[in-house]
């Protein structure tokens, strides 16, 4: 089965980002987390940094905004060169407007949900977006353990999309390894963010291929 792998540079060596990006050129996109120390208790990768990453990355940017007020800031990241911009529904005032603005700016648009956020209030958004990202850890820090208790939620999402003939990417982020990827795959995910399991040890492109190989 074809899956998409989006390594997270949150686990990379920040001092050598250009060379770290070159080490994952076998991936489908690079996952770039943006944190503002408000929506989550961490701060990293502002718009200018994302723009510079876009200039040197051999693969497209999948930007994940963990910030307050994405209504104001989301399009900035599209303008900086992100192929896809995903924002958190919990932080948005008008998700429909953000999605429309991202599409108008030439970016793909995605919505992200934290582990404790129910799907049901956001079903209508899934008809408009290119990606639905379910967090399989609490957002804000890398290296956390996969939450298998999120699989019924993932299965419900996949079921809703299938029943309505919808085909956004179903992305999961948090604790993805060769052990947990098949679990999420069976529950309906097709796009996987992996940080520590790609950059933690060994050669990142080799680790990417190992993740692809475990998709069954």
N, C-alpha and C. Protein backbone atom coordinates (compact mmCIF):
# COMPACT_ATOMS: atom_id res chain seq x y z
N UNK A 1 0.84 -1.19 0.00
CA UNK A 1 0.00 0.00 0.00
C UNK A 1 0.88 1.25 0.00
N UNK A 2 0.52 2.22 -0.86
CA UNK A 2 1.30 3.46 -0.88
C UNK A 2 0.90 4.33 0.31
N UNK A 3 1.89 4.75 1.05
CA UNK A 3 1.67 5.69 2.14
C UNK A 3 2.55 6.92 1.91
N UNK A 4 2.23 7.98 2.60
CA UNK A 4 3.04 9.19 2.55
C UNK A 4 3.78 9.34 3.88
N UNK A 5 5.06 9.68 3.78
CA UNK A 5 5.88 9.90 4.97
C UNK A 5 6.36 11.35 4.99
N UNK A 6 6.10 12.01 6.11
CA UNK A 6 6.46 13.42 6.30
C UNK A 6 7.35 13.53 7.54
N UNK A 7 8.66 13.33 7.41
CA UNK A 7 9.53 13.45 8.57
C UNK A 7 9.45 14.84 9.21
N UNK A 8 9.49 14.85 10.51
CA UNK A 8 9.44 16.11 11.25
C UNK A 8 10.84 16.61 11.56
N UNK A 9 11.13 17.84 11.13
CA UNK A 9 12.46 18.38 11.41
C UNK A 9 12.57 18.87 12.85
N UNK A 10 11.51 18.70 13.62
CA UNK A 10 11.63 18.98 15.05
C UNK A 10 12.69 18.08 15.68
N UNK A 11 12.92 16.91 15.05
CA UNK A 11 13.91 15.95 15.57
C UNK A 11 15.27 16.10 14.91
N UNK A 12 15.41 17.05 13.99
CA UNK A 12 16.66 17.21 13.25
C UNK A 12 17.64 18.10 14.01
N UNK A 13 18.84 18.22 13.45
CA UNK A 13 19.88 19.09 13.99
C UNK A 13 19.64 20.50 13.44
N UNK A 14 19.18 21.40 14.30
CA UNK A 14 18.81 22.74 13.85
C UNK A 14 20.00 23.55 13.33
N UNK A 15 21.19 23.20 13.75
CA UNK A 15 22.37 23.95 13.31
C UNK A 15 22.70 23.64 11.85
N UNK A 16 22.25 22.48 11.38
CA UNK A 16 22.59 22.04 10.02
C UNK A 16 21.33 21.66 9.24
N UNK A 17 20.34 22.55 9.24
CA UNK A 17 19.05 22.18 8.68
C UNK A 17 19.11 21.87 7.19
N UNK A 18 19.90 22.60 6.43
CA UNK A 18 19.93 22.33 4.98
C UNK A 18 20.43 20.91 4.71
N UNK A 19 21.49 20.50 5.39
CA UNK A 19 21.99 19.14 5.19
C UNK A 19 21.03 18.11 5.78
N UNK A 20 20.35 18.46 6.86
CA UNK A 20 19.36 17.55 7.44
C UNK A 20 18.18 17.34 6.49
N UNK A 21 17.79 18.39 5.77
CA UNK A 21 16.73 18.25 4.77
C UNK A 21 17.18 17.34 3.62
N UNK A 22 18.43 17.47 3.22
CA UNK A 22 18.95 16.62 2.14
C UNK A 22 18.92 15.15 2.53
N UNK A 23 18.99 14.86 3.81
CA UNK A 23 19.02 13.47 4.29
C UNK A 23 17.64 12.81 4.28
N UNK A 24 16.58 13.59 3.97
CA UNK A 24 15.23 13.02 3.92
C UNK A 24 14.60 13.24 2.54
N UNK A 25 15.44 13.33 1.51
CA UNK A 25 14.88 13.60 0.19
C UNK A 25 14.10 12.42 -0.39
N UNK A 26 14.12 11.28 0.30
CA UNK A 26 13.30 10.15 -0.10
C UNK A 26 11.89 10.19 0.47
N UNK A 27 11.58 11.21 1.27
CA UNK A 27 10.25 11.35 1.86
C UNK A 27 9.33 12.09 0.89
N UNK A 28 8.05 12.15 1.24
CA UNK A 28 7.07 12.81 0.39
C UNK A 28 6.96 14.30 0.68
N UNK A 29 7.24 14.69 1.90
CA UNK A 29 7.22 16.10 2.32
C UNK A 29 7.95 16.18 3.64
N UNK A 30 8.31 17.40 4.03
CA UNK A 30 8.91 17.61 5.35
C UNK A 30 7.88 18.31 6.22
N UNK A 31 7.69 17.78 7.42
CA UNK A 31 6.72 18.32 8.37
C UNK A 31 7.41 19.38 9.21
N UNK A 32 6.89 20.60 9.15
CA UNK A 32 7.49 21.72 9.86
C UNK A 32 6.50 22.23 10.90
N UNK A 33 6.83 22.02 12.16
CA UNK A 33 5.98 22.48 13.25
C UNK A 33 6.26 23.95 13.56
N UNK A 34 5.21 24.72 13.74
CA UNK A 34 5.31 26.11 14.16
C UNK A 34 4.60 26.23 15.51
N UNK A 35 5.32 26.65 16.53
CA UNK A 35 4.77 26.76 17.88
C UNK A 35 5.01 28.17 18.42
N UNK A 36 4.03 28.69 19.14
CA UNK A 36 4.10 30.10 19.55
C UNK A 36 4.22 30.34 21.06
N UNK A 37 4.36 29.25 21.84
CA UNK A 37 4.45 29.37 23.29
C UNK A 37 3.16 29.90 23.91
N UNK A 38 2.06 29.82 23.16
CA UNK A 38 0.74 30.20 23.69
C UNK A 38 -0.23 29.03 23.52
N UNK A 39 -0.43 28.62 22.26
CA UNK A 39 -1.30 27.46 22.02
C UNK A 39 -0.68 26.20 22.60
N UNK A 40 0.65 26.10 22.49
CA UNK A 40 1.41 25.02 23.12
C UNK A 40 2.57 25.65 23.88
N UNK A 41 3.10 24.96 24.90
CA UNK A 41 4.16 25.53 25.73
C UNK A 41 5.55 25.36 25.13
N UNK A 42 5.72 25.81 23.90
CA UNK A 42 7.02 25.76 23.23
C UNK A 42 6.99 26.81 22.14
N UNK A 43 8.17 27.20 21.68
CA UNK A 43 8.25 28.17 20.60
C UNK A 43 9.33 27.73 19.61
N UNK A 44 8.95 27.71 18.32
CA UNK A 44 9.91 27.28 17.31
C UNK A 44 9.37 27.61 15.92
N UNK A 45 10.29 27.89 14.98
CA UNK A 45 10.03 28.02 13.55
C UNK A 45 8.94 29.06 13.21
N UNK A 46 9.32 30.32 13.23
CA UNK A 46 8.43 31.37 12.76
C UNK A 46 8.39 31.44 11.25
N UNK A 47 7.65 32.41 10.74
CA UNK A 47 7.40 32.50 9.31
C UNK A 47 8.68 32.70 8.50
N UNK A 48 9.58 33.53 8.97
CA UNK A 48 10.81 33.78 8.22
C UNK A 48 11.65 32.52 8.11
N UNK A 49 11.71 31.75 9.18
CA UNK A 49 12.45 30.49 9.17
C UNK A 49 11.81 29.50 8.20
N UNK A 50 10.50 29.43 8.21
CA UNK A 50 9.80 28.53 7.29
C UNK A 50 10.09 28.93 5.84
N UNK A 51 10.10 30.22 5.57
CA UNK A 51 10.41 30.68 4.23
C UNK A 51 11.80 30.25 3.78
N UNK A 52 12.75 30.33 4.68
CA UNK A 52 14.11 29.93 4.35
C UNK A 52 14.19 28.41 4.14
N UNK A 53 13.50 27.65 4.95
CA UNK A 53 13.47 26.19 4.78
C UNK A 53 12.89 25.85 3.41
N UNK A 54 11.83 26.55 3.03
CA UNK A 54 11.20 26.30 1.73
C UNK A 54 12.17 26.54 0.58
N UNK A 55 13.07 27.49 0.75
CA UNK A 55 14.03 27.81 -0.31
C UNK A 55 15.06 26.71 -0.52
N UNK A 56 15.37 25.94 0.51
CA UNK A 56 16.45 24.96 0.38
C UNK A 56 15.97 23.50 0.45
N UNK A 57 14.70 23.28 0.76
CA UNK A 57 14.22 21.91 0.92
C UNK A 57 14.06 21.21 -0.43
N UNK A 58 14.52 19.95 -0.53
CA UNK A 58 14.35 19.19 -1.76
C UNK A 58 12.95 18.61 -1.91
N UNK A 59 12.14 18.70 -0.86
CA UNK A 59 10.78 18.16 -0.88
C UNK A 59 9.82 19.23 -0.36
N UNK A 60 8.52 19.12 -0.67
CA UNK A 60 7.56 20.14 -0.26
C UNK A 60 7.42 20.25 1.26
N UNK A 61 6.93 21.41 1.70
CA UNK A 61 6.73 21.67 3.12
C UNK A 61 5.28 21.43 3.53
N UNK A 62 5.12 20.63 4.57
CA UNK A 62 3.84 20.37 5.23
C UNK A 62 3.92 21.11 6.57
N UNK A 63 3.37 22.31 6.63
CA UNK A 63 3.50 23.15 7.82
C UNK A 63 2.32 22.91 8.75
N UNK A 64 2.64 22.68 10.01
CA UNK A 64 1.64 22.40 11.05
C UNK A 64 1.68 23.54 12.06
N UNK A 65 0.64 24.35 12.06
CA UNK A 65 0.57 25.53 12.93
C UNK A 65 -0.03 25.16 14.28
N UNK A 66 0.79 25.21 15.30
CA UNK A 66 0.31 25.05 16.68
C UNK A 66 0.40 26.43 17.33
N UNK A 67 -0.47 27.31 16.84
CA UNK A 67 -0.42 28.71 17.24
C UNK A 67 -1.82 29.24 17.52
N UNK A 68 -1.88 30.29 18.32
CA UNK A 68 -3.12 31.02 18.48
C UNK A 68 -3.35 31.89 17.24
N UNK A 69 -4.61 32.16 16.98
CA UNK A 69 -5.01 33.07 15.91
C UNK A 69 -4.49 32.68 14.52
N UNK A 70 -4.72 31.44 14.12
CA UNK A 70 -4.35 31.08 12.74
C UNK A 70 -5.14 31.87 11.71
N UNK A 71 -6.28 32.44 12.12
CA UNK A 71 -7.08 33.28 11.22
C UNK A 71 -6.21 34.41 10.65
N UNK A 72 -5.34 34.94 11.48
CA UNK A 72 -4.50 36.06 11.08
C UNK A 72 -3.22 35.61 10.38
N UNK A 73 -2.67 34.47 10.80
CA UNK A 73 -1.32 34.11 10.40
C UNK A 73 -1.19 32.99 9.38
N UNK A 74 -2.22 32.19 9.17
CA UNK A 74 -2.06 30.98 8.35
C UNK A 74 -1.58 31.29 6.93
N UNK A 75 -2.17 32.30 6.31
CA UNK A 75 -1.83 32.59 4.92
C UNK A 75 -0.37 33.04 4.78
N UNK A 76 0.18 33.61 5.83
CA UNK A 76 1.59 34.01 5.79
C UNK A 76 2.48 32.83 5.43
N UNK A 77 2.16 31.66 5.95
CA UNK A 77 2.99 30.48 5.70
C UNK A 77 2.79 29.95 4.28
N UNK A 78 1.61 30.12 3.74
CA UNK A 78 1.40 29.80 2.32
C UNK A 78 2.26 30.73 1.46
N UNK A 79 2.25 32.00 1.81
CA UNK A 79 3.04 32.98 1.07
C UNK A 79 4.54 32.71 1.19
N UNK A 80 4.96 32.06 2.26
CA UNK A 80 6.37 31.75 2.47
C UNK A 80 6.82 30.51 1.71
N UNK A 81 5.88 29.83 1.04
CA UNK A 81 6.27 28.71 0.20
C UNK A 81 5.82 27.34 0.66
N UNK A 82 4.99 27.27 1.70
CA UNK A 82 4.49 25.97 2.15
C UNK A 82 3.53 25.40 1.11
N UNK A 83 3.69 24.13 0.80
CA UNK A 83 2.75 23.47 -0.10
C UNK A 83 1.41 23.24 0.59
N UNK A 84 1.49 22.94 1.89
CA UNK A 84 0.30 22.65 2.68
C UNK A 84 0.43 23.32 4.04
N UNK A 85 -0.67 23.91 4.50
CA UNK A 85 -0.70 24.54 5.82
C UNK A 85 -1.87 23.95 6.59
N UNK A 86 -1.56 23.38 7.76
CA UNK A 86 -2.57 22.77 8.62
C UNK A 86 -2.65 23.57 9.92
N UNK A 87 -3.86 23.91 10.33
CA UNK A 87 -4.06 24.68 11.55
C UNK A 87 -4.98 23.91 12.50
N UNK A 88 -4.93 24.29 13.77
CA UNK A 88 -5.75 23.61 14.78
C UNK A 88 -7.13 24.23 14.87
N UNK A 89 -8.14 23.37 14.80
CA UNK A 89 -9.52 23.86 14.90
C UNK A 89 -9.77 24.50 16.27
N UNK A 90 -9.05 24.03 17.30
CA UNK A 90 -9.27 24.57 18.64
C UNK A 90 -8.85 26.04 18.75
N UNK A 91 -7.96 26.48 17.85
CA UNK A 91 -7.44 27.84 17.91
C UNK A 91 -8.12 28.78 16.92
N UNK A 92 -8.89 28.23 16.01
CA UNK A 92 -9.44 29.03 14.91
C UNK A 92 -10.76 29.68 15.31
N UNK A 93 -10.95 30.90 14.83
CA UNK A 93 -12.23 31.59 15.01
C UNK A 93 -13.18 31.28 13.86
N UNK A 94 -12.67 31.21 12.64
CA UNK A 94 -13.49 30.92 11.46
C UNK A 94 -12.70 29.98 10.56
N UNK A 95 -12.84 28.69 10.79
CA UNK A 95 -12.06 27.69 10.03
C UNK A 95 -12.38 27.75 8.55
N UNK A 96 -13.65 27.96 8.21
CA UNK A 96 -14.01 28.01 6.79
C UNK A 96 -13.26 29.13 6.07
N UNK A 97 -13.16 30.27 6.72
CA UNK A 97 -12.48 31.41 6.11
C UNK A 97 -10.98 31.13 5.95
N UNK A 98 -10.38 30.47 6.93
CA UNK A 98 -8.95 30.14 6.83
C UNK A 98 -8.71 29.18 5.66
N UNK A 99 -9.55 28.17 5.55
CA UNK A 99 -9.41 27.19 4.47
C UNK A 99 -9.52 27.89 3.11
N UNK A 100 -10.52 28.75 2.97
CA UNK A 100 -10.70 29.47 1.71
C UNK A 100 -9.50 30.36 1.40
N UNK A 101 -9.00 31.04 2.42
CA UNK A 101 -7.86 31.94 2.22
C UNK A 101 -6.61 31.17 1.80
N UNK A 102 -6.39 30.01 2.41
CA UNK A 102 -5.24 29.20 2.05
C UNK A 102 -5.35 28.72 0.60
N UNK A 103 -6.54 28.28 0.21
CA UNK A 103 -6.72 27.84 -1.17
C UNK A 103 -6.51 28.99 -2.14
N UNK A 104 -7.00 30.15 -1.79
CA UNK A 104 -6.82 31.32 -2.65
C UNK A 104 -5.35 31.70 -2.78
N UNK A 105 -4.58 31.43 -1.72
CA UNK A 105 -3.14 31.73 -1.73
C UNK A 105 -2.33 30.66 -2.46
N UNK A 106 -2.99 29.60 -2.92
CA UNK A 106 -2.31 28.56 -3.67
C UNK A 106 -1.78 27.42 -2.84
N UNK A 107 -2.20 27.35 -1.58
CA UNK A 107 -1.74 26.28 -0.68
C UNK A 107 -2.84 25.25 -0.49
N UNK A 108 -2.43 24.04 -0.19
CA UNK A 108 -3.36 23.06 0.33
C UNK A 108 -3.69 23.44 1.77
N UNK A 109 -4.86 23.03 2.23
CA UNK A 109 -5.31 23.40 3.57
C UNK A 109 -5.65 22.16 4.38
N UNK A 110 -5.25 22.19 5.65
CA UNK A 110 -5.55 21.07 6.53
C UNK A 110 -6.04 21.55 7.88
N UNK A 111 -6.79 20.67 8.55
CA UNK A 111 -7.20 20.93 9.92
C UNK A 111 -6.62 19.86 10.83
N UNK A 112 -6.20 20.28 12.02
CA UNK A 112 -5.63 19.38 13.01
C UNK A 112 -6.50 19.36 14.25
N UNK A 113 -6.58 18.18 14.88
CA UNK A 113 -7.35 18.01 16.11
C UNK A 113 -6.47 17.40 17.18
N UNK A 114 -6.51 17.98 18.36
CA UNK A 114 -5.79 17.44 19.51
C UNK A 114 -6.47 16.15 19.98
N UNK A 115 -5.76 15.34 20.77
CA UNK A 115 -6.34 14.07 21.20
C UNK A 115 -7.71 14.18 21.88
N UNK A 116 -7.91 15.25 22.64
CA UNK A 116 -9.16 15.38 23.37
C UNK A 116 -10.28 16.05 22.60
N UNK A 117 -10.05 16.40 21.35
CA UNK A 117 -11.05 17.12 20.55
C UNK A 117 -11.91 16.13 19.77
N UNK A 118 -13.22 16.24 19.92
CA UNK A 118 -14.15 15.34 19.23
C UNK A 118 -14.22 15.67 17.75
N UNK A 119 -14.49 14.66 16.95
CA UNK A 119 -14.63 14.84 15.51
C UNK A 119 -15.93 15.54 15.13
N UNK A 120 -17.00 15.19 15.81
CA UNK A 120 -18.34 15.52 15.33
C UNK A 120 -18.58 17.00 15.03
N UNK A 121 -18.10 17.93 15.86
CA UNK A 121 -18.38 19.34 15.54
C UNK A 121 -17.70 19.82 14.26
N UNK A 122 -16.77 19.05 13.71
CA UNK A 122 -15.95 19.51 12.59
C UNK A 122 -16.18 18.71 11.31
N UNK A 123 -17.18 17.85 11.30
CA UNK A 123 -17.40 17.03 10.11
C UNK A 123 -17.52 17.86 8.84
N UNK A 124 -18.22 19.00 8.91
CA UNK A 124 -18.42 19.78 7.69
C UNK A 124 -17.11 20.30 7.12
N UNK A 125 -16.11 20.51 7.99
CA UNK A 125 -14.82 20.99 7.51
C UNK A 125 -14.12 19.95 6.65
N UNK A 126 -14.37 18.69 6.94
CA UNK A 126 -13.67 17.62 6.22
C UNK A 126 -14.06 17.58 4.74
N UNK A 127 -15.17 18.25 4.39
CA UNK A 127 -15.59 18.34 3.00
C UNK A 127 -14.80 19.40 2.24
N UNK A 128 -14.05 20.23 2.95
CA UNK A 128 -13.38 21.37 2.34
C UNK A 128 -11.86 21.24 2.30
N UNK A 129 -11.30 20.39 3.14
CA UNK A 129 -9.85 20.40 3.33
C UNK A 129 -9.15 19.33 2.51
N UNK A 130 -7.84 19.48 2.41
CA UNK A 130 -6.98 18.53 1.71
C UNK A 130 -6.33 17.54 2.67
N UNK A 131 -6.29 17.89 3.97
CA UNK A 131 -5.68 17.04 4.99
C UNK A 131 -6.47 17.15 6.28
N UNK A 132 -6.65 16.01 6.94
CA UNK A 132 -7.14 15.99 8.32
C UNK A 132 -6.05 15.33 9.15
N UNK A 133 -5.53 16.08 10.12
CA UNK A 133 -4.44 15.61 10.97
C UNK A 133 -4.97 15.30 12.36
N UNK A 134 -4.85 14.05 12.76
CA UNK A 134 -5.19 13.66 14.13
C UNK A 134 -3.90 13.50 14.92
N UNK A 135 -3.81 14.21 16.02
CA UNK A 135 -2.65 14.08 16.89
C UNK A 135 -2.73 12.77 17.67
N UNK A 136 -1.64 12.01 17.64
CA UNK A 136 -1.56 10.77 18.42
C UNK A 136 -0.64 10.95 19.63
N UNK A 137 -0.33 12.21 19.93
CA UNK A 137 0.28 12.65 21.19
C UNK A 137 -0.31 14.03 21.49
N UNK A 138 -0.09 14.53 22.68
CA UNK A 138 -0.47 15.91 22.97
C UNK A 138 0.51 16.83 22.23
N UNK A 139 0.01 17.83 21.52
CA UNK A 139 0.92 18.68 20.73
C UNK A 139 1.82 19.53 21.61
N UNK A 140 3.04 19.79 21.07
CA UNK A 140 3.93 20.72 21.75
C UNK A 140 5.33 20.22 22.02
N UNK A 141 5.58 18.92 21.85
CA UNK A 141 6.92 18.40 22.10
C UNK A 141 7.13 17.12 21.31
N UNK A 142 8.35 16.93 20.82
CA UNK A 142 8.68 15.71 20.12
C UNK A 142 9.04 14.59 21.08
N UNK A 143 9.15 13.38 20.54
CA UNK A 143 9.62 12.25 21.33
C UNK A 143 8.62 11.62 22.27
N UNK A 144 7.34 11.98 22.15
CA UNK A 144 6.33 11.41 23.03
C UNK A 144 5.88 10.03 22.53
N UNK A 145 5.22 9.29 23.42
CA UNK A 145 4.76 7.95 23.09
C UNK A 145 3.41 8.00 22.38
N UNK A 146 3.26 7.15 21.39
CA UNK A 146 2.03 6.98 20.61
C UNK A 146 0.87 6.63 21.52
N UNK A 147 -0.29 7.22 21.24
CA UNK A 147 -1.50 6.99 22.05
C UNK A 147 -2.43 6.04 21.29
N UNK A 148 -2.37 4.73 21.57
CA UNK A 148 -3.23 3.79 20.84
C UNK A 148 -4.71 4.04 21.08
N UNK A 149 -5.04 4.72 22.18
CA UNK A 149 -6.45 5.00 22.46
C UNK A 149 -7.06 5.98 21.46
N UNK A 150 -6.25 6.54 20.58
CA UNK A 150 -6.76 7.41 19.52
C UNK A 150 -7.25 6.62 18.30
N UNK A 151 -7.03 5.31 18.27
CA UNK A 151 -7.39 4.54 17.08
C UNK A 151 -8.89 4.48 16.82
N UNK A 152 -9.76 4.37 17.81
CA UNK A 152 -11.19 4.43 17.49
C UNK A 152 -11.60 5.76 16.85
N UNK A 153 -10.99 6.84 17.28
CA UNK A 153 -11.24 8.16 16.67
C UNK A 153 -10.78 8.17 15.22
N UNK A 154 -9.61 7.59 14.97
CA UNK A 154 -9.09 7.51 13.61
C UNK A 154 -9.99 6.66 12.74
N UNK A 155 -10.46 5.55 13.28
CA UNK A 155 -11.37 4.68 12.53
C UNK A 155 -12.68 5.41 12.22
N UNK A 156 -13.18 6.20 13.17
CA UNK A 156 -14.41 6.96 12.94
C UNK A 156 -14.21 8.00 11.84
N UNK A 157 -13.06 8.65 11.85
CA UNK A 157 -12.74 9.62 10.81
C UNK A 157 -12.71 8.94 9.44
N UNK A 158 -11.96 7.84 9.35
CA UNK A 158 -11.84 7.13 8.07
C UNK A 158 -13.20 6.66 7.58
N UNK A 159 -14.04 6.21 8.50
CA UNK A 159 -15.38 5.76 8.13
C UNK A 159 -16.24 6.89 7.59
N UNK A 160 -16.16 8.04 8.25
CA UNK A 160 -16.93 9.21 7.78
C UNK A 160 -16.48 9.62 6.39
N UNK A 161 -15.18 9.69 6.18
CA UNK A 161 -14.66 10.11 4.88
C UNK A 161 -15.11 9.13 3.78
N UNK A 162 -15.01 7.85 4.06
CA UNK A 162 -15.41 6.84 3.07
C UNK A 162 -16.90 6.94 2.76
N UNK A 163 -17.72 7.09 3.80
CA UNK A 163 -19.17 7.15 3.61
C UNK A 163 -19.59 8.35 2.77
N UNK A 164 -18.79 9.41 2.82
CA UNK A 164 -19.15 10.63 2.11
C UNK A 164 -18.31 10.85 0.84
N UNK A 165 -17.52 9.85 0.48
CA UNK A 165 -16.73 9.94 -0.74
C UNK A 165 -15.67 11.03 -0.70
N UNK A 166 -15.13 11.28 0.47
CA UNK A 166 -14.13 12.34 0.66
C UNK A 166 -12.73 11.73 0.66
N UNK A 167 -11.76 12.47 0.11
CA UNK A 167 -10.42 11.91 -0.04
C UNK A 167 -9.28 12.80 0.46
N UNK A 168 -9.48 13.55 1.55
CA UNK A 168 -8.32 14.27 2.08
C UNK A 168 -7.29 13.28 2.61
N UNK A 169 -6.05 13.72 2.72
CA UNK A 169 -5.06 12.90 3.41
C UNK A 169 -5.49 12.73 4.85
N UNK A 170 -5.29 11.54 5.37
CA UNK A 170 -5.55 11.26 6.79
C UNK A 170 -4.19 11.10 7.46
N UNK A 171 -3.80 12.13 8.16
CA UNK A 171 -2.44 12.23 8.69
C UNK A 171 -2.45 12.01 10.20
N UNK A 172 -1.44 11.31 10.70
CA UNK A 172 -1.26 11.14 12.14
C UNK A 172 0.13 11.63 12.52
N UNK A 173 0.23 12.17 13.71
CA UNK A 173 1.45 12.82 14.16
C UNK A 173 1.66 12.51 15.63
N UNK A 174 2.75 11.79 15.91
CA UNK A 174 3.12 11.54 17.30
C UNK A 174 3.42 10.08 17.57
N UNK A 175 4.68 9.80 17.87
CA UNK A 175 5.07 8.45 18.27
C UNK A 175 5.04 7.43 17.15
N UNK A 176 5.21 7.87 15.89
CA UNK A 176 5.14 6.94 14.76
C UNK A 176 6.49 6.23 14.58
N UNK A 177 6.44 4.91 14.64
CA UNK A 177 7.60 4.04 14.49
C UNK A 177 7.21 2.87 13.60
N UNK A 178 8.15 1.97 13.34
CA UNK A 178 7.81 0.77 12.56
C UNK A 178 6.82 -0.12 13.30
N UNK A 179 6.69 0.05 14.60
CA UNK A 179 5.71 -0.71 15.38
C UNK A 179 4.33 -0.07 15.34
N UNK A 180 4.28 1.26 15.47
CA UNK A 180 2.99 1.94 15.57
C UNK A 180 2.40 2.33 14.21
N UNK A 181 3.24 2.50 13.20
CA UNK A 181 2.69 2.87 11.88
C UNK A 181 1.67 1.85 11.37
N UNK A 182 1.95 0.54 11.42
CA UNK A 182 0.94 -0.41 10.94
C UNK A 182 -0.37 -0.33 11.72
N UNK A 183 -0.30 0.00 13.00
CA UNK A 183 -1.52 0.12 13.81
C UNK A 183 -2.37 1.27 13.28
N UNK A 184 -1.73 2.43 13.06
CA UNK A 184 -2.46 3.59 12.55
C UNK A 184 -2.93 3.37 11.11
N UNK A 185 -2.12 2.67 10.33
CA UNK A 185 -2.50 2.36 8.95
C UNK A 185 -3.77 1.52 8.92
N UNK A 186 -3.83 0.51 9.74
CA UNK A 186 -5.02 -0.35 9.79
C UNK A 186 -6.25 0.42 10.26
N UNK A 187 -6.03 1.48 11.02
CA UNK A 187 -7.15 2.27 11.53
C UNK A 187 -7.58 3.36 10.57
N UNK A 188 -6.86 3.52 9.45
CA UNK A 188 -7.32 4.43 8.42
C UNK A 188 -6.39 5.55 8.02
N UNK A 189 -5.22 5.67 8.66
CA UNK A 189 -4.27 6.72 8.28
C UNK A 189 -3.55 6.34 6.99
N UNK A 190 -3.16 7.36 6.21
CA UNK A 190 -2.34 7.10 5.03
C UNK A 190 -1.13 8.02 4.93
N UNK A 191 -1.02 8.95 5.88
CA UNK A 191 0.08 9.92 5.89
C UNK A 191 0.63 9.99 7.31
N UNK A 192 1.96 9.86 7.44
CA UNK A 192 2.56 9.65 8.75
C UNK A 192 3.69 10.64 9.00
N UNK A 193 3.58 11.36 10.11
CA UNK A 193 4.65 12.25 10.57
C UNK A 193 5.54 11.46 11.50
N UNK A 194 6.82 11.46 11.23
CA UNK A 194 7.77 10.71 12.06
C UNK A 194 8.99 11.58 12.30
N UNK A 195 9.34 11.73 13.56
CA UNK A 195 10.50 12.55 13.90
C UNK A 195 11.66 11.73 14.42
N UNK A 196 11.53 11.28 15.66
CA UNK A 196 12.62 10.53 16.29
C UNK A 196 12.95 9.25 15.55
N UNK A 197 11.94 8.59 14.97
CA UNK A 197 12.20 7.31 14.28
C UNK A 197 12.90 7.52 12.95
N UNK A 198 12.92 8.76 12.44
CA UNK A 198 13.67 9.06 11.22
C UNK A 198 15.05 9.63 11.56
N UNK A 199 15.09 10.59 12.46
CA UNK A 199 16.33 11.30 12.74
C UNK A 199 17.07 10.79 13.98
N UNK A 200 16.44 9.91 14.76
CA UNK A 200 17.02 9.54 16.05
C UNK A 200 18.35 8.83 15.97
N UNK A 201 18.49 7.90 15.05
CA UNK A 201 19.76 7.17 14.89
C UNK A 201 19.81 6.59 13.48
N UNK A 202 21.02 6.36 13.00
CA UNK A 202 21.17 5.79 11.67
C UNK A 202 20.95 6.83 10.58
N UNK A 203 20.75 6.33 9.36
CA UNK A 203 20.59 7.19 8.19
C UNK A 203 19.11 7.49 7.95
N UNK A 204 18.70 8.77 7.96
CA UNK A 204 17.28 9.10 7.84
C UNK A 204 16.58 8.49 6.63
N UNK A 205 17.19 8.52 5.45
CA UNK A 205 16.52 7.95 4.29
C UNK A 205 16.33 6.44 4.42
N UNK A 206 17.30 5.78 5.07
CA UNK A 206 17.14 4.34 5.34
C UNK A 206 15.97 4.11 6.29
N UNK A 207 15.86 4.96 7.30
CA UNK A 207 14.76 4.84 8.27
C UNK A 207 13.41 5.10 7.60
N UNK A 208 13.38 6.02 6.65
CA UNK A 208 12.16 6.28 5.88
C UNK A 208 11.73 5.03 5.12
N UNK A 209 12.71 4.37 4.49
CA UNK A 209 12.39 3.15 3.74
C UNK A 209 11.92 2.04 4.66
N UNK A 210 12.48 1.98 5.86
CA UNK A 210 12.03 0.98 6.83
C UNK A 210 10.58 1.23 7.24
N UNK A 211 10.23 2.51 7.39
CA UNK A 211 8.83 2.83 7.70
C UNK A 211 7.91 2.46 6.54
N UNK A 212 8.34 2.73 5.32
CA UNK A 212 7.52 2.34 4.16
C UNK A 212 7.33 0.82 4.12
N UNK A 213 8.41 0.12 4.42
CA UNK A 213 8.36 -1.35 4.31
C UNK A 213 7.43 -1.98 5.32
N UNK A 214 7.16 -1.28 6.44
CA UNK A 214 6.32 -1.89 7.47
C UNK A 214 4.83 -1.63 7.20
N UNK A 215 4.52 -0.94 6.12
CA UNK A 215 3.12 -0.64 5.78
C UNK A 215 2.46 -1.88 5.17
N UNK A 216 1.68 -2.53 5.96
CA UNK A 216 0.99 -3.74 5.47
C UNK A 216 -0.29 -3.95 6.24
